[in-house]
């Protein structure tokens, strides 16, 4: 389960975030490319845009549920 106090600082404010458990597997970026991106230097994903449509929300939930290390959280700010 993702830990809010371990989220990457690059995550934009909002419900979804990625924490330090991320292993850079690319699943979230493939599932919800409008919302997740990669920190090239650090080798991890983060949320660069919170979902703004029902489709994006569903894809973010799918990414959260599919994350192999449970590094995606949905209890962030405004969540």
PDB file of N, CA and C in Angstrom:
ATOM      1  N   UNK A   1       0.840  -1.186   0.000  1.00  0.00           N
ATOM      2  CA  UNK A   1       0.000   0.000   0.000  1.00  0.00           C
ATOM      3  C   UNK A   1       0.883   1.246   0.000  1.00  0.00           C
ATOM      4  N   UNK A   2       0.585   2.181  -0.866  1.00  0.00           N
ATOM      5  CA  UNK A   2       1.365   3.413  -0.965  1.00  0.00           C
ATOM      6  C   UNK A   2       1.253   4.230   0.324  1.00  0.00           C
ATOM      7  N   UNK A   3       2.349   4.894   0.662  1.00  0.00           N
ATOM      8  CA  UNK A   3       2.410   5.721   1.861  1.00  0.00           C
ATOM      9  C   UNK A   3       2.464   7.195   1.473  1.00  0.00           C
ATOM     10  N   UNK A   4       1.506   7.958   1.956  1.00  0.00           N
ATOM     11  CA  UNK A   4       1.420   9.373   1.631  1.00  0.00           C
ATOM     12  C   UNK A   4       2.694  10.124   2.036  1.00  0.00           C
ATOM     13  N   UNK A   5       3.279   9.754   3.168  1.00  0.00           N
ATOM     14  CA  UNK A   5       4.481  10.454   3.626  1.00  0.00           C
ATOM     15  C   UNK A   5       5.742  10.022   2.888  1.00  0.00           C
ATOM     16  N   UNK A   6       5.622   9.075   1.938  1.00  0.00           N
ATOM     17  CA  UNK A   6       6.757   8.642   1.133  1.00  0.00           C
ATOM     18  C   UNK A   6       6.559   8.956  -0.353  1.00  0.00           C
ATOM     19  N   UNK A   7       5.583   9.815  -0.664  1.00  0.00           N
ATOM     20  CA  UNK A   7       5.324  10.111  -2.075  1.00  0.00           C
ATOM     21  C   UNK A   7       6.449  10.985  -2.639  1.00  0.00           C
ATOM     22  N   UNK A   8       6.685  10.810  -3.926  1.00  0.00           N
ATOM     23  CA  UNK A   8       7.708  11.609  -4.599  1.00  0.00           C
ATOM     24  C   UNK A   8       7.253  13.066  -4.654  1.00  0.00           C
ATOM     25  N   UNK A   9       8.176  14.008  -4.456  1.00  0.00           N
ATOM     26  CA  UNK A   9       7.790  15.428  -4.460  1.00  0.00           C
ATOM     27  C   UNK A   9       7.298  15.925  -5.816  1.00  0.00           C
ATOM     28  N   UNK A  10       7.603  15.208  -6.879  1.00  0.00           N
ATOM     29  CA  UNK A  10       7.172  15.614  -8.225  1.00  0.00           C
ATOM     30  C   UNK A  10       5.675  15.427  -8.451  1.00  0.00           C
ATOM     31  N   UNK A  11       5.024  14.590  -7.647  1.00  0.00           N
ATOM     32  CA  UNK A  11       3.586  14.379  -7.797  1.00  0.00           C
ATOM     33  C   UNK A  11       2.845  15.702  -7.664  1.00  0.00           C
ATOM     34  N   UNK A  12       1.907  15.947  -8.578  1.00  0.00           N
ATOM     35  CA  UNK A  12       1.081  17.145  -8.456  1.00  0.00           C
ATOM     36  C   UNK A  12       0.070  16.918  -7.332  1.00  0.00           C
ATOM     37  N   UNK A  13      -0.365  18.008  -6.745  1.00  0.00           N
ATOM     38  CA  UNK A  13      -1.329  17.941  -5.647  1.00  0.00           C
ATOM     39  C   UNK A  13      -2.614  17.276  -6.122  1.00  0.00           C
ATOM     40  N   UNK A  14      -3.155  16.422  -5.281  1.00  0.00           N
ATOM     41  CA  UNK A  14      -4.418  15.773  -5.611  1.00  0.00           C
ATOM     42  C   UNK A  14      -4.513  14.366  -5.062  1.00  0.00           C
ATOM     43  N   UNK A  15      -5.542  13.688  -5.471  1.00  0.00           N
ATOM     44  CA  UNK A  15      -5.905  12.364  -4.963  1.00  0.00           C
ATOM     45  C   UNK A  15      -4.837  11.298  -5.212  1.00  0.00           C
ATOM     46  N   UNK A  16      -4.343  11.191  -6.444  1.00  0.00           N
ATOM     47  CA  UNK A  16      -3.410  10.129  -6.806  1.00  0.00           C
ATOM     48  C   UNK A  16      -1.962  10.582  -6.656  1.00  0.00           C
ATOM     49  N   UNK A  17      -1.097   9.627  -6.309  1.00  0.00           N
ATOM     50  CA  UNK A  17       0.338   9.889  -6.185  1.00  0.00           C
ATOM     51  C   UNK A  17       1.092   8.568  -6.299  1.00  0.00           C
ATOM     52  N   UNK A  18       2.408   8.674  -6.505  1.00  0.00           N
ATOM     53  CA  UNK A  18       3.300   7.510  -6.525  1.00  0.00           C
ATOM     54  C   UNK A  18       4.311   7.714  -5.406  1.00  0.00           C
ATOM     55  N   UNK A  19       4.593   6.639  -4.669  1.00  0.00           N
ATOM     56  CA  UNK A  19       5.555   6.771  -3.575  1.00  0.00           C
ATOM     57  C   UNK A  19       6.884   6.097  -3.920  1.00  0.00           C
ATOM     58  N   UNK A  20       7.789   6.073  -2.963  1.00  0.00           N
ATOM     59  CA  UNK A  20       9.158   5.614  -3.169  1.00  0.00           C
ATOM     60  C   UNK A  20       9.284   4.114  -3.433  1.00  0.00           C
ATOM     61  N   UNK A  21       8.203   3.361  -3.355  1.00  0.00           N
ATOM     62  CA  UNK A  21       8.256   1.930  -3.644  1.00  0.00           C
ATOM     63  C   UNK A  21       8.319   1.640  -5.146  1.00  0.00           C
ATOM     64  N   UNK A  22       8.072   2.665  -5.965  1.00  0.00           N
ATOM     65  CA  UNK A  22       8.018   2.481  -7.422  1.00  0.00           C
ATOM     66  C   UNK A  22       9.294   1.818  -7.951  1.00  0.00           C
ATOM     67  N   UNK A  23       9.105   0.795  -8.797  1.00  0.00           N
ATOM     68  CA  UNK A  23      10.234   0.075  -9.390  1.00  0.00           C
ATOM     69  C   UNK A  23      10.390   0.399 -10.876  1.00  0.00           C
ATOM     70  N   UNK A  24       9.695   1.440 -11.348  1.00  0.00           N
ATOM     71  CA  UNK A  24       9.840   1.901 -12.733  1.00  0.00           C
ATOM     72  C   UNK A  24       9.457   0.826 -13.753  1.00  0.00           C
ATOM     73  N   UNK A  25       8.366   0.106 -13.474  1.00  0.00           N
ATOM     74  CA  UNK A  25       7.964  -0.986 -14.358  1.00  0.00           C
ATOM     75  C   UNK A  25       7.227  -0.516 -15.611  1.00  0.00           C
ATOM     76  N   UNK A  26       6.756   0.727 -15.621  1.00  0.00           N
ATOM     77  CA  UNK A  26       6.097   1.334 -16.768  1.00  0.00           C
ATOM     78  C   UNK A  26       4.598   1.030 -16.872  1.00  0.00           C
ATOM     79  N   UNK A  27       4.052   0.198 -15.995  1.00  0.00           N
ATOM     80  CA  UNK A  27       2.639  -0.168 -16.095  1.00  0.00           C
ATOM     81  C   UNK A  27       1.737   1.053 -16.012  1.00  0.00           C
ATOM     82  N   UNK A  28       1.954   1.926 -15.039  1.00  0.00           N
ATOM     83  CA  UNK A  28       1.069   3.086 -14.885  1.00  0.00           C
ATOM     84  C   UNK A  28       1.186   4.040 -16.072  1.00  0.00           C
ATOM     85  N   UNK A  29       2.383   4.196 -16.593  1.00  0.00           N
ATOM     86  CA  UNK A  29       2.581   5.095 -17.743  1.00  0.00           C
ATOM     87  C   UNK A  29       1.922   4.546 -18.993  1.00  0.00           C
ATOM     88  N   UNK A  30       1.898   3.240 -19.138  1.00  0.00           N
ATOM     89  CA  UNK A  30       1.215   2.621 -20.274  1.00  0.00           C
ATOM     90  C   UNK A  30      -0.301   2.651 -20.093  1.00  0.00           C
ATOM     91  N   UNK A  31      -0.752   2.460 -18.865  1.00  0.00           N
ATOM     92  CA  UNK A  31      -2.185   2.400 -18.582  1.00  0.00           C
ATOM     93  C   UNK A  31      -2.830   3.775 -18.632  1.00  0.00           C
ATOM     94  N   UNK A  32      -2.188   4.764 -18.023  1.00  0.00           N
ATOM     95  CA  UNK A  32      -2.743   6.121 -17.936  1.00  0.00           C
ATOM     96  C   UNK A  32      -1.679   7.156 -18.317  1.00  0.00           C
ATOM     97  N   UNK A  33      -1.303   7.181 -19.596  1.00  0.00           N
ATOM     98  CA  UNK A  33      -0.217   8.072 -20.020  1.00  0.00           C
ATOM     99  C   UNK A  33      -0.530   9.564 -19.892  1.00  0.00           C
ATOM    100  N   UNK A  34      -1.794   9.912 -19.788  1.00  0.00           N
ATOM    101  CA  UNK A  34      -2.164  11.314 -19.619  1.00  0.00           C
ATOM    102  C   UNK A  34      -1.936  11.790 -18.186  1.00  0.00           C
ATOM    103  N   UNK A  35      -1.670  10.845 -17.273  1.00  0.00           N
ATOM    104  CA  UNK A  35      -1.582  11.179 -15.856  1.00  0.00           C
ATOM    105  C   UNK A  35      -0.252  10.820 -15.199  1.00  0.00           C
ATOM    106  N   UNK A  36       0.412   9.803 -15.708  1.00  0.00           N
ATOM    107  CA  UNK A  36       1.684   9.369 -15.126  1.00  0.00           C
ATOM    108  C   UNK A  36       2.816   9.622 -16.108  1.00  0.00           C
ATOM    109  N   UNK A  37       3.971   9.989 -15.572  1.00  0.00           N
ATOM    110  CA  UNK A  37       5.169  10.148 -16.383  1.00  0.00           C
ATOM    111  C   UNK A  37       6.353   9.647 -15.577  1.00  0.00           C
ATOM    112  N   UNK A  38       7.546   9.728 -16.177  1.00  0.00           N
ATOM    113  CA  UNK A  38       8.747   9.163 -15.573  1.00  0.00           C
ATOM    114  C   UNK A  38       9.752  10.248 -15.239  1.00  0.00           C
ATOM    115  N   UNK A  39      10.382  10.105 -14.088  1.00  0.00           N
ATOM    116  CA  UNK A  39      11.538  10.923 -13.749  1.00  0.00           C
ATOM    117  C   UNK A  39      12.741  10.180 -14.320  1.00  0.00           C
ATOM    118  N   UNK A  40      13.308  10.728 -15.393  1.00  0.00           N
ATOM    119  CA  UNK A  40      14.394  10.049 -16.100  1.00  0.00           C
ATOM    120  C   UNK A  40      15.624   9.854 -15.224  1.00  0.00           C
ATOM    121  N   UNK A  41      15.953  10.837 -14.411  1.00  0.00           N
ATOM    122  CA  UNK A  41      17.147  10.742 -13.569  1.00  0.00           C
ATOM    123  C   UNK A  41      16.951   9.767 -12.416  1.00  0.00           C
ATOM    124  N   UNK A  42      15.782   9.805 -11.797  1.00  0.00           N
ATOM    125  CA  UNK A  42      15.533   8.970 -10.634  1.00  0.00           C
ATOM    126  C   UNK A  42      15.060   7.570 -10.959  1.00  0.00           C
ATOM    127  N   UNK A  43      14.491   7.384 -12.162  1.00  0.00           N
ATOM    128  CA  UNK A  43      14.003   6.072 -12.560  1.00  0.00           C
ATOM    129  C   UNK A  43      12.752   5.652 -11.815  1.00  0.00           C
ATOM    130  N   UNK A  44      11.760   6.522 -11.780  1.00  0.00           N
ATOM    131  CA  UNK A  44      10.482   6.205 -11.137  1.00  0.00           C
ATOM    132  C   UNK A  44       9.385   7.029 -11.780  1.00  0.00           C
ATOM    133  N   UNK A  45       8.162   6.596 -11.563  1.00  0.00           N
ATOM    134  CA  UNK A  45       6.999   7.301 -12.091  1.00  0.00           C
ATOM    135  C   UNK A  45       6.434   8.256 -11.051  1.00  0.00           C
ATOM    136  N   UNK A  46       5.662   9.222 -11.539  1.00  0.00           N
ATOM    137  CA  UNK A  46       4.922  10.117 -10.658  1.00  0.00           C
ATOM    138  C   UNK A  46       3.715  10.649 -11.406  1.00  0.00           C
ATOM    139  N   UNK A  47       2.768  11.203 -10.666  1.00  0.00           N
ATOM    140  CA  UNK A  47       1.562  11.770 -11.259  1.00  0.00           C
ATOM    141  C   UNK A  47       1.867  13.217 -11.655  1.00  0.00           C
ATOM    142  N   UNK A  48       1.783  13.496 -12.951  1.00  0.00           N
ATOM    143  CA  UNK A  48       2.034  14.863 -13.412  1.00  0.00           C
ATOM    144  C   UNK A  48       0.740  15.606 -13.722  1.00  0.00           C
ATOM    145  N   UNK A  49      -0.376  14.856 -13.763  1.00  0.00           N
ATOM    146  CA  UNK A  49      -1.673  15.477 -14.001  1.00  0.00           C
ATOM    147  C   UNK A  49      -2.739  14.604 -13.343  1.00  0.00           C
ATOM    148  N   UNK A  50      -3.524  15.208 -12.475  1.00  0.00           N
ATOM    149  CA  UNK A  50      -4.628  14.479 -11.852  1.00  0.00           C
ATOM    150  C   UNK A  50      -5.723  14.251 -12.896  1.00  0.00           C
ATOM    151  N   UNK A  51      -6.494  13.189 -12.761  1.00  0.00           N
ATOM    152  CA  UNK A  51      -7.551  12.925 -13.742  1.00  0.00           C
ATOM    153  C   UNK A  51      -8.592  14.039 -13.785  1.00  0.00           C
ATOM    154  N   UNK A  52      -8.989  14.388 -15.002  1.00  0.00           N
ATOM    155  CA  UNK A  52      -9.984  15.443 -15.195  1.00  0.00           C
ATOM    156  C   UNK A  52     -11.226  14.933 -15.924  1.00  0.00           C
ATOM    157  N   UNK A  53     -11.261  13.650 -16.208  1.00  0.00           N
ATOM    158  CA  UNK A  53     -12.432  13.058 -16.855  1.00  0.00           C
ATOM    159  C   UNK A  53     -12.698  11.695 -16.219  1.00  0.00           C
ATOM    160  N   UNK A  54     -13.870  11.175 -16.455  1.00  0.00           N
ATOM    161  CA  UNK A  54     -14.216   9.848 -15.929  1.00  0.00           C
ATOM    162  C   UNK A  54     -13.280   8.794 -16.504  1.00  0.00           C
ATOM    163  N   UNK A  55     -12.944   8.923 -17.777  1.00  0.00           N
ATOM    164  CA  UNK A  55     -12.044   7.956 -18.418  1.00  0.00           C
ATOM    165  C   UNK A  55     -10.662   7.982 -17.753  1.00  0.00           C
ATOM    166  N   UNK A  56     -10.118   9.174 -17.525  1.00  0.00           N
ATOM    167  CA  UNK A  56      -8.810   9.279 -16.872  1.00  0.00           C
ATOM    168  C   UNK A  56      -8.872   8.724 -15.452  1.00  0.00           C
ATOM    169  N   UNK A  57      -9.958   8.986 -14.754  1.00  0.00           N
ATOM    170  CA  UNK A  57     -10.119   8.462 -13.397  1.00  0.00           C
ATOM    171  C   UNK A  57     -10.114   6.935 -13.416  1.00  0.00           C
ATOM    172  N   UNK A  58     -10.847   6.351 -14.331  1.00  0.00           N
ATOM    173  CA  UNK A  58     -10.899   4.889 -14.435  1.00  0.00           C
ATOM    174  C   UNK A  58      -9.533   4.310 -14.763  1.00  0.00           C
ATOM    175  N   UNK A  59      -8.777   4.981 -15.633  1.00  0.00           N
ATOM    176  CA  UNK A  59      -7.443   4.494 -15.989  1.00  0.00           C
ATOM    177  C   UNK A  59      -6.472   4.622 -14.820  1.00  0.00           C
ATOM    178  N   UNK A  60      -6.600   5.678 -14.024  1.00  0.00           N
ATOM    179  CA  UNK A  60      -5.756   5.825 -12.834  1.00  0.00           C
ATOM    180  C   UNK A  60      -6.059   4.738 -11.812  1.00  0.00           C
ATOM    181  N   UNK A  61      -7.332   4.417 -11.648  1.00  0.00           N
ATOM    182  CA  UNK A  61      -7.717   3.333 -10.735  1.00  0.00           C
ATOM    183  C   UNK A  61      -7.176   2.005 -11.260  1.00  0.00           C
ATOM    184  N   UNK A  62      -7.258   1.796 -12.563  1.00  0.00           N
ATOM    185  CA  UNK A  62      -6.718   0.572 -13.161  1.00  0.00           C
ATOM    186  C   UNK A  62      -5.211   0.475 -12.916  1.00  0.00           C
ATOM    187  N   UNK A  63      -4.500   1.594 -13.063  1.00  0.00           N
ATOM    188  CA  UNK A  63      -3.056   1.609 -12.806  1.00  0.00           C
ATOM    189  C   UNK A  63      -2.767   1.305 -11.338  1.00  0.00           C
ATOM    190  N   UNK A  64      -3.537   1.899 -10.447  1.00  0.00           N
ATOM    191  CA  UNK A  64      -3.371   1.660  -9.013  1.00  0.00           C
ATOM    192  C   UNK A  64      -3.564   0.181  -8.708  1.00  0.00           C
ATOM    193  N   UNK A  65      -4.624  -0.395  -9.228  1.00  0.00           N
ATOM    194  CA  UNK A  65      -4.926  -1.800  -8.952  1.00  0.00           C
ATOM    195  C   UNK A  65      -3.913  -2.741  -9.578  1.00  0.00           C
ATOM    196  N   UNK A  66      -3.296  -2.336 -10.692  1.00  0.00           N
ATOM    197  CA  UNK A  66      -2.343  -3.198 -11.380  1.00  0.00           C
ATOM    198  C   UNK A  66      -0.904  -3.040 -10.928  1.00  0.00           C
ATOM    199  N   UNK A  67      -0.611  -2.014 -10.163  1.00  0.00           N
ATOM    200  CA  UNK A  67       0.768  -1.754  -9.736  1.00  0.00           C
ATOM    201  C   UNK A  67       1.317  -2.953  -8.958  1.00  0.00           C
ATOM    202  N   UNK A  68       2.417  -3.557  -9.438  1.00  0.00           N
ATOM    203  CA  UNK A  68       2.921  -4.776  -8.797  1.00  0.00           C
ATOM    204  C   UNK A  68       3.504  -4.562  -7.396  1.00  0.00           C
ATOM    205  N   UNK A  69       3.873  -3.345  -7.061  1.00  0.00           N
ATOM    206  CA  UNK A  69       4.442  -3.075  -5.732  1.00  0.00           C
ATOM    207  C   UNK A  69       3.571  -2.141  -4.900  1.00  0.00           C
ATOM    208  N   UNK A  70       2.364  -1.871  -5.367  1.00  0.00           N
ATOM    209  CA  UNK A  70       1.406  -1.012  -4.657  1.00  0.00           C
ATOM    210  C   UNK A  70       2.003   0.347  -4.328  1.00  0.00           C
ATOM    211  N   UNK A  71       2.671   0.952  -5.307  1.00  0.00           N
ATOM    212  CA  UNK A  71       3.317   2.248  -5.102  1.00  0.00           C
ATOM    213  C   UNK A  71       2.392   3.428  -5.423  1.00  0.00           C
ATOM    214  N   UNK A  72       1.191   3.151  -5.922  1.00  0.00           N
ATOM    215  CA  UNK A  72       0.255   4.206  -6.271  1.00  0.00           C
ATOM    216  C   UNK A  72      -0.793   4.329  -5.164  1.00  0.00           C
ATOM    217  N   UNK A  73      -1.002   5.549  -4.699  1.00  0.00           N
ATOM    218  CA  UNK A  73      -1.995   5.796  -3.673  1.00  0.00           C
ATOM    219  C   UNK A  73      -3.118   6.659  -4.200  1.00  0.00           C
ATOM    220  N   UNK A  74      -4.277   6.588  -3.538  1.00  0.00           N
ATOM    221  CA  UNK A  74      -5.422   7.420  -3.929  1.00  0.00           C
ATOM    222  C   UNK A  74      -5.989   8.163  -2.719  1.00  0.00           C
ATOM    223  N   UNK A  75      -5.144   8.375  -1.721  1.00  0.00           N
ATOM    224  CA  UNK A  75      -5.577   9.080  -0.521  1.00  0.00           C
ATOM    225  C   UNK A  75      -4.789  10.375  -0.316  1.00  0.00           C
ATOM    226  N   UNK A  76      -4.395  10.962  -1.455  1.00  0.00           N
ATOM    227  CA  UNK A  76      -3.606  12.188  -1.403  1.00  0.00           C
ATOM    228  C   UNK A  76      -4.441  13.406  -1.062  1.00  0.00           C
ATOM    229  N   UNK A  77      -3.826  14.560  -1.178  1.00  0.00           N
ATOM    230  CA  UNK A  77      -4.493  15.830  -0.888  1.00  0.00           C
ATOM    231  C   UNK A  77      -5.758  15.952  -1.733  1.00  0.00           C
ATOM    232  N   UNK A  78      -6.783  16.471  -1.133  1.00  0.00           N
ATOM    233  CA  UNK A  78      -8.088  16.609  -1.790  1.00  0.00           C
ATOM    234  C   UNK A  78      -8.707  15.255  -2.091  1.00  0.00           C
ATOM    235  N   UNK A  79      -8.177  14.178  -1.513  1.00  0.00           N
ATOM    236  CA  UNK A  79      -8.674  12.843  -1.805  1.00  0.00           C
ATOM    237  C   UNK A  79      -9.594  12.399  -0.747  1.00  0.00           C
TER     238      UNK A  79
END
